[in-house]
Amino acid sequence: TWVAIDYTLPNGSTKAELSIFNAMGVKVKQVELDGNQGQKVLDLRGLADGVYTCTVLCGEYCHTEKIVITK
């Protein structure tokens, strides 16, 4: 129901965008990341079971991971 994402942004950056996409590639959640590093806790209760991708965009930097939701 919740996920905690630890992050460290590249090159001393302090702003980034974290987006979650469903299996069809539709963005279902977006939050801003503030600070060079930290932790963001996301409420996933409104999302259906399935496989999602979580992408962090910071300038030209892009990192993607998989999230599996089961309830």
PDB file of N, CA and C in Angstrom:
ATOM      1  N   THR A   1       0.810  -1.207   0.000  1.00  0.00           N
ATOM      2  CA  THR A   1       0.000   0.000   0.000  1.00  0.00           C
ATOM      3  C   THR A   1       0.851   1.268   0.000  1.00  0.00           C
ATOM      4  N   TRP A   2       2.071   1.147   0.498  1.00  0.00           N
ATOM      5  CA  TRP A   2       3.004   2.276   0.530  1.00  0.00           C
ATOM      6  C   TRP A   2       4.352   1.799   0.023  1.00  0.00           C
ATOM      7  N   VAL A   3       5.116   2.703  -0.556  1.00  0.00           N
ATOM      8  CA  VAL A   3       6.486   2.379  -0.949  1.00  0.00           C
ATOM      9  C   VAL A   3       7.373   3.555  -0.552  1.00  0.00           C
ATOM     10  N   ALA A   4       8.538   3.236  -0.016  1.00  0.00           N
ATOM     11  CA  ALA A   4       9.528   4.261   0.340  1.00  0.00           C
ATOM     12  C   ALA A   4      10.654   4.184  -0.686  1.00  0.00           C
ATOM     13  N   ILE A   5      10.951   5.288  -1.309  1.00  0.00           N
ATOM     14  CA  ILE A   5      11.980   5.338  -2.341  1.00  0.00           C
ATOM     15  C   ILE A   5      13.114   6.222  -1.847  1.00  0.00           C
ATOM     16  N   ASP A   6      14.285   5.616  -1.663  1.00  0.00           N
ATOM     17  CA  ASP A   6      15.488   6.356  -1.294  1.00  0.00           C
ATOM     18  C   ASP A   6      16.166   6.823  -2.579  1.00  0.00           C
ATOM     19  N   TYR A   7      16.643   8.058  -2.577  1.00  0.00           N
ATOM     20  CA  TYR A   7      17.264   8.577  -3.789  1.00  0.00           C
ATOM     21  C   TYR A   7      18.461   9.454  -3.482  1.00  0.00           C
ATOM     22  N   THR A   8      19.383   9.495  -4.425  1.00  0.00           N
ATOM     23  CA  THR A   8      20.495  10.443  -4.462  1.00  0.00           C
ATOM     24  C   THR A   8      20.576  10.938  -5.893  1.00  0.00           C
ATOM     25  N   LEU A   9      20.407  12.237  -6.074  1.00  0.00           N
ATOM     26  CA  LEU A   9      20.406  12.809  -7.414  1.00  0.00           C
ATOM     27  C   LEU A   9      21.836  13.047  -7.891  1.00  0.00           C
ATOM     28  N   PRO A  10      22.062  12.988  -9.208  1.00  0.00           N
ATOM     29  CA  PRO A  10      23.414  13.130  -9.751  1.00  0.00           C
ATOM     30  C   PRO A  10      23.909  14.575  -9.760  1.00  0.00           C
ATOM     31  N   ASN A  11      25.213  14.713  -9.756  1.00  0.00           N
ATOM     32  CA  ASN A  11      25.886  16.002  -9.980  1.00  0.00           C
ATOM     33  C   ASN A  11      25.407  17.137  -9.078  1.00  0.00           C
ATOM     34  N   GLY A  12      25.050  16.827  -7.839  1.00  0.00           N
ATOM     35  CA  GLY A  12      24.634  17.864  -6.912  1.00  0.00           C
ATOM     36  C   GLY A  12      23.279  18.471  -7.211  1.00  0.00           C
ATOM     37  N   SER A  13      22.498  17.851  -8.082  1.00  0.00           N
ATOM     38  CA  SER A  13      21.153  18.352  -8.404  1.00  0.00           C
ATOM     39  C   SER A  13      20.266  18.315  -7.175  1.00  0.00           C
ATOM     40  N   THR A  14      19.303  19.226  -7.116  1.00  0.00           N
ATOM     41  CA  THR A  14      18.408  19.278  -5.960  1.00  0.00           C
ATOM     42  C   THR A  14      16.933  19.168  -6.346  1.00  0.00           C
ATOM     43  N   LYS A  15      16.624  19.041  -7.623  1.00  0.00           N
ATOM     44  CA  LYS A  15      15.230  18.917  -8.083  1.00  0.00           C
ATOM     45  C   LYS A  15      15.140  17.795  -9.110  1.00  0.00           C
ATOM     46  N   ALA A  16      14.086  16.988  -8.995  1.00  0.00           N
ATOM     47  CA  ALA A  16      13.842  15.923  -9.971  1.00  0.00           C
ATOM     48  C   ALA A  16      12.357  15.588  -9.943  1.00  0.00           C
ATOM     49  N   GLU A  17      11.942  14.817 -10.932  1.00  0.00           N
ATOM     50  CA  GLU A  17      10.554  14.373 -11.036  1.00  0.00           C
ATOM     51  C   GLU A  17      10.529  12.850 -10.981  1.00  0.00           C
ATOM     52  N   LEU A  18       9.696  12.314 -10.110  1.00  0.00           N
ATOM     53  CA  LEU A  18       9.506  10.876 -10.008  1.00  0.00           C
ATOM     54  C   LEU A  18       8.118  10.558 -10.549  1.00  0.00           C
ATOM     55  N   SER A  19       8.048   9.671 -11.540  1.00  0.00           N
ATOM     56  CA  SER A  19       6.771   9.313 -12.149  1.00  0.00           C
ATOM     57  C   SER A  19       6.579   7.804 -12.093  1.00  0.00           C
ATOM     58  N   ILE A  20       5.331   7.384 -11.913  1.00  0.00           N
ATOM     59  CA  ILE A  20       4.987   5.965 -11.933  1.00  0.00           C
ATOM     60  C   ILE A  20       4.051   5.734 -13.112  1.00  0.00           C
ATOM     61  N   PHE A  21       4.403   4.726 -13.924  1.00  0.00           N
ATOM     62  CA  PHE A  21       3.637   4.383 -15.113  1.00  0.00           C
ATOM     63  C   PHE A  21       3.072   2.978 -14.984  1.00  0.00           C
ATOM     64  N   ASN A  22       1.841   2.771 -15.475  1.00  0.00           N
ATOM     65  CA  ASN A  22       1.262   1.427 -15.465  1.00  0.00           C
ATOM     66  C   ASN A  22       1.820   0.630 -16.649  1.00  0.00           C
ATOM     67  N   ALA A  23       1.358  -0.615 -16.798  1.00  0.00           N
ATOM     68  CA  ALA A  23       1.873  -1.500 -17.848  1.00  0.00           C
ATOM     69  C   ALA A  23       1.565  -0.989 -19.258  1.00  0.00           C
ATOM     70  N   MET A  24       0.583  -0.118 -19.393  1.00  0.00           N
ATOM     71  CA  MET A  24       0.218   0.445 -20.704  1.00  0.00           C
ATOM     72  C   MET A  24       1.032   1.707 -21.018  1.00  0.00           C
ATOM     73  N   GLY A  25       1.892   2.131 -20.080  1.00  0.00           N
ATOM     74  CA  GLY A  25       2.708   3.321 -20.283  1.00  0.00           C
ATOM     75  C   GLY A  25       2.031   4.617 -19.895  1.00  0.00           C
ATOM     76  N   VAL A  26       0.896   4.519 -19.183  1.00  0.00           N
ATOM     77  CA  VAL A  26       0.160   5.704 -18.753  1.00  0.00           C
ATOM     78  C   VAL A  26       0.689   6.157 -17.392  1.00  0.00           C
ATOM     79  N   LYS A  27       1.004   7.455 -17.280  1.00  0.00           N
ATOM     80  CA  LYS A  27       1.485   7.998 -16.007  1.00  0.00           C
ATOM     81  C   LYS A  27       0.328   8.022 -15.011  1.00  0.00           C
ATOM     82  N   VAL A  28       0.506   7.337 -13.870  1.00  0.00           N
ATOM     83  CA  VAL A  28      -0.554   7.250 -12.868  1.00  0.00           C
ATOM     84  C   VAL A  28      -0.242   8.045 -11.608  1.00  0.00           C
ATOM     85  N   LYS A  29       0.999   8.475 -11.448  1.00  0.00           N
ATOM     86  CA  LYS A  29       1.379   9.256 -10.273  1.00  0.00           C
ATOM     87  C   LYS A  29       2.653  10.018 -10.604  1.00  0.00           C
ATOM     88  N   GLN A  30       2.750  11.247 -10.083  1.00  0.00           N
ATOM     89  CA  GLN A  30       3.947  12.060 -10.277  1.00  0.00           C
ATOM     90  C   GLN A  30       4.178  12.890  -9.031  1.00  0.00           C
ATOM     91  N   VAL A  31       5.433  12.932  -8.574  1.00  0.00           N
ATOM     92  CA  VAL A  31       5.806  13.760  -7.423  1.00  0.00           C
ATOM     93  C   VAL A  31       7.153  14.416  -7.705  1.00  0.00           C
ATOM     94  N   GLU A  32       7.405  15.499  -7.015  1.00  0.00           N
ATOM     95  CA  GLU A  32       8.691  16.193  -7.117  1.00  0.00           C
ATOM     96  C   GLU A  32       9.623  15.668  -6.029  1.00  0.00           C
ATOM     97  N   LEU A  33      10.893  15.544  -6.358  1.00  0.00           N
ATOM     98  CA  LEU A  33      11.927  15.203  -5.386  1.00  0.00           C
ATOM     99  C   LEU A  33      12.713  16.472  -5.110  1.00  0.00           C
ATOM    100  N   ASP A  34      12.856  16.819  -3.838  1.00  0.00           N
ATOM    101  CA  ASP A  34      13.576  18.020  -3.435  1.00  0.00           C
ATOM    102  C   ASP A  34      14.777  17.630  -2.595  1.00  0.00           C
ATOM    103  N   GLY A  35      15.899  18.240  -2.860  1.00  0.00           N
ATOM    104  CA  GLY A  35      17.121  17.943  -2.132  1.00  0.00           C
ATOM    105  C   GLY A  35      17.954  16.937  -2.894  1.00  0.00           C
ATOM    106  N   ASN A  36      19.266  16.989  -2.677  1.00  0.00           N
ATOM    107  CA  ASN A  36      20.175  16.100  -3.394  1.00  0.00           C
ATOM    108  C   ASN A  36      19.948  14.636  -3.057  1.00  0.00           C
ATOM    109  N   GLN A  37      19.529  14.353  -1.831  1.00  0.00           N
ATOM    110  CA  GLN A  37      19.216  12.978  -1.453  1.00  0.00           C
ATOM    111  C   GLN A  37      18.131  12.981  -0.400  1.00  0.00           C
ATOM    112  N   GLY A  38      17.469  11.847  -0.271  1.00  0.00           N
ATOM    113  CA  GLY A  38      16.403  11.739   0.708  1.00  0.00           C
ATOM    114  C   GLY A  38      15.566  10.506   0.479  1.00  0.00           C
ATOM    115  N   GLN A  39      14.367  10.537   1.035  1.00  0.00           N
ATOM    116  CA  GLN A  39      13.429   9.428   0.897  1.00  0.00           C
ATOM    117  C   GLN A  39      12.047  10.010   0.635  1.00  0.00           C
ATOM    118  N   LYS A  40      11.346   9.419  -0.326  1.00  0.00           N
ATOM    119  CA  LYS A  40       9.983   9.827  -0.650  1.00  0.00           C
ATOM    120  C   LYS A  40       9.078   8.628  -0.404  1.00  0.00           C
ATOM    121  N   VAL A  41       8.034   8.826   0.397  1.00  0.00           N
ATOM    122  CA  VAL A  41       7.061   7.765   0.672  1.00  0.00           C
ATOM    123  C   VAL A  41       5.819   8.034  -0.174  1.00  0.00           C
ATOM    124  N   LEU A  42       5.424   7.038  -0.965  1.00  0.00           N
ATOM    125  CA  LEU A  42       4.286   7.183  -1.862  1.00  0.00           C
ATOM    126  C   LEU A  42       3.141   6.284  -1.429  1.00  0.00           C
ATOM    127  N   ASP A  43       1.939   6.814  -1.456  1.00  0.00           N
ATOM    128  CA  ASP A  43       0.716   6.074  -1.154  1.00  0.00           C
ATOM    129  C   ASP A  43       0.238   5.422  -2.452  1.00  0.00           C
ATOM    130  N   LEU A  44       0.254   4.090  -2.499  1.00  0.00           N
ATOM    131  CA  LEU A  44      -0.142   3.362  -3.699  1.00  0.00           C
ATOM    132  C   LEU A  44      -1.496   2.678  -3.549  1.00  0.00           C
ATOM    133  N   ARG A  45      -2.245   3.017  -2.514  1.00  0.00           N
ATOM    134  CA  ARG A  45      -3.521   2.342  -2.266  1.00  0.00           C
ATOM    135  C   ARG A  45      -4.520   2.504  -3.406  1.00  0.00           C
ATOM    136  N   GLY A  46      -4.445   3.577  -4.170  1.00  0.00           N
ATOM    137  CA  GLY A  46      -5.384   3.806  -5.255  1.00  0.00           C
ATOM    138  C   GLY A  46      -5.038   3.072  -6.542  1.00  0.00           C
ATOM    139  N   LEU A  47      -3.904   2.372  -6.560  1.00  0.00           N
ATOM    140  CA  LEU A  47      -3.480   1.681  -7.771  1.00  0.00           C
ATOM    141  C   LEU A  47      -3.856   0.201  -7.717  1.00  0.00           C
ATOM    142  N   ALA A  48      -4.216  -0.338  -8.858  1.00  0.00           N
ATOM    143  CA  ALA A  48      -4.573  -1.754  -8.958  1.00  0.00           C
ATOM    144  C   ALA A  48      -3.317  -2.625  -8.878  1.00  0.00           C
ATOM    145  N   ASP A  49      -3.518  -3.893  -8.523  1.00  0.00           N
ATOM    146  CA  ASP A  49      -2.407  -4.846  -8.542  1.00  0.00           C
ATOM    147  C   ASP A  49      -1.795  -4.871  -9.934  1.00  0.00           C
ATOM    148  N   GLY A  50      -0.478  -5.040 -10.000  1.00  0.00           N
ATOM    149  CA  GLY A  50       0.183  -5.134 -11.295  1.00  0.00           C
ATOM    150  C   GLY A  50       1.623  -4.691 -11.230  1.00  0.00           C
ATOM    151  N   VAL A  51       2.237  -4.649 -12.397  1.00  0.00           N
ATOM    152  CA  VAL A  51       3.627  -4.240 -12.527  1.00  0.00           C
ATOM    153  C   VAL A  51       3.653  -2.803 -13.050  1.00  0.00           C
ATOM    154  N   TYR A  52       4.409  -1.966 -12.389  1.00  0.00           N
ATOM    155  CA  TYR A  52       4.536  -0.559 -12.736  1.00  0.00           C
ATOM    156  C   TYR A  52       6.012  -0.230 -12.905  1.00  0.00           C
ATOM    157  N   THR A  53       6.296   0.853 -13.601  1.00  0.00           N
ATOM    158  CA  THR A  53       7.664   1.347 -13.662  1.00  0.00           C
ATOM    159  C   THR A  53       7.727   2.693 -12.957  1.00  0.00           C
ATOM    160  N   CYS A  54       8.822   2.893 -12.263  1.00  0.00           N
ATOM    161  CA  CYS A  54       9.061   4.119 -11.516  1.00  0.00           C
ATOM    162  C   CYS A  54      10.279   4.783 -12.144  1.00  0.00           C
ATOM    163  N   THR A  55      10.112   6.011 -12.641  1.00  0.00           N
ATOM    164  CA  THR A  55      11.184   6.702 -13.361  1.00  0.00           C
ATOM    165  C   THR A  55      11.524   8.015 -12.671  1.00  0.00           C
ATOM    166  N   VAL A  56      12.820   8.237 -12.482  1.00  0.00           N
ATOM    167  CA  VAL A  56      13.314   9.504 -11.946  1.00  0.00           C
ATOM    168  C   VAL A  56      13.975  10.255 -13.096  1.00  0.00           C
ATOM    169  N   LEU A  57      13.507  11.482 -13.337  1.00  0.00           N
ATOM    170  CA  LEU A  57      14.082  12.349 -14.363  1.00  0.00           C
ATOM    171  C   LEU A  57      14.707  13.566 -13.694  1.00  0.00           C
ATOM    172  N   CYS A  58      15.961  13.808 -14.033  1.00  0.00           N
ATOM    173  CA  CYS A  58      16.688  14.945 -13.470  1.00  0.00           C
ATOM    174  C   CYS A  58      17.604  15.470 -14.562  1.00  0.00           C
ATOM    175  N   GLY A  59      17.149  16.486 -15.299  1.00  0.00           N
ATOM    176  CA  GLY A  59      17.920  16.964 -16.443  1.00  0.00           C
ATOM    177  C   GLY A  59      18.002  15.859 -17.484  1.00  0.00           C
ATOM    178  N   GLU A  60      19.219  15.498 -17.883  1.00  0.00           N
ATOM    179  CA  GLU A  60      19.407  14.419 -18.850  1.00  0.00           C
ATOM    180  C   GLU A  60      19.472  13.056 -18.183  1.00  0.00           C
ATOM    181  N   TYR A  61      19.540  13.020 -16.861  1.00  0.00           N
ATOM    182  CA  TYR A  61      19.601  11.763 -16.116  1.00  0.00           C
ATOM    183  C   TYR A  61      18.220  11.129 -16.055  1.00  0.00           C
ATOM    184  N   CYS A  62      18.154   9.814 -16.312  1.00  0.00           N
ATOM    185  CA  CYS A  62      16.905   9.067 -16.243  1.00  0.00           C
ATOM    186  C   CYS A  62      17.205   7.687 -15.669  1.00  0.00           C
ATOM    187  N   HIS A  63      16.487   7.316 -14.612  1.00  0.00           N
ATOM    188  CA  HIS A  63      16.663   5.998 -14.002  1.00  0.00           C
ATOM    189  C   HIS A  63      15.293   5.376 -13.806  1.00  0.00           C
ATOM    190  N   THR A  64      15.137   4.104 -14.213  1.00  0.00           N
ATOM    191  CA  THR A  64      13.851   3.418 -14.127  1.00  0.00           C
ATOM    192  C   THR A  64      13.999   2.115 -13.359  1.00  0.00           C
ATOM    193  N   GLU A  65      13.037   1.853 -12.496  1.00  0.00           N
ATOM    194  CA  GLU A  65      12.967   0.604 -11.727  1.00  0.00           C
ATOM    195  C   GLU A  65      11.556   0.045 -11.836  1.00  0.00           C
ATOM    196  N   LYS A  66      11.411  -1.221 -11.509  1.00  0.00           N
ATOM    197  CA  LYS A  66      10.102  -1.889 -11.543  1.00  0.00           C
ATOM    198  C   LYS A  66       9.489  -1.922 -10.145  1.00  0.00           C
ATOM    199  N   ILE A  67       8.178  -1.724 -10.061  1.00  0.00           N
ATOM    200  CA  ILE A  67       7.423  -1.851  -8.807  1.00  0.00           C
ATOM    201  C   ILE A  67       6.315  -2.859  -9.067  1.00  0.00           C
ATOM    202  N   VAL A  68       6.180  -3.847  -8.180  1.00  0.00           N
ATOM    203  CA  VAL A  68       5.102  -4.821  -8.286  1.00  0.00           C
ATOM    204  C   VAL A  68       4.152  -4.584  -7.120  1.00  0.00           C
ATOM    205  N   ILE A  69       2.878  -4.359  -7.422  1.00  0.00           N
ATOM    206  CA  ILE A  69       1.869  -4.119  -6.395  1.00  0.00           C
ATOM    207  C   ILE A  69       0.990  -5.350  -6.270  1.00  0.00           C
ATOM    208  N   THR A  70       0.912  -5.884  -5.050  1.00  0.00           N
ATOM    209  CA  THR A  70      -0.008  -6.986  -4.745  1.00  0.00           C
ATOM    210  C   THR A  70      -0.662  -6.660  -3.414  1.00  0.00           C
ATOM    211  N   LYS A  71      -1.947  -6.941  -3.327  1.00  0.00           N
ATOM    212  CA  LYS A  71      -2.661  -6.640  -2.086  1.00  0.00           C
ATOM    213  C   LYS A  71      -3.280  -7.887  -1.522  1.00  0.00           C
TER     214      LYS A  71
END
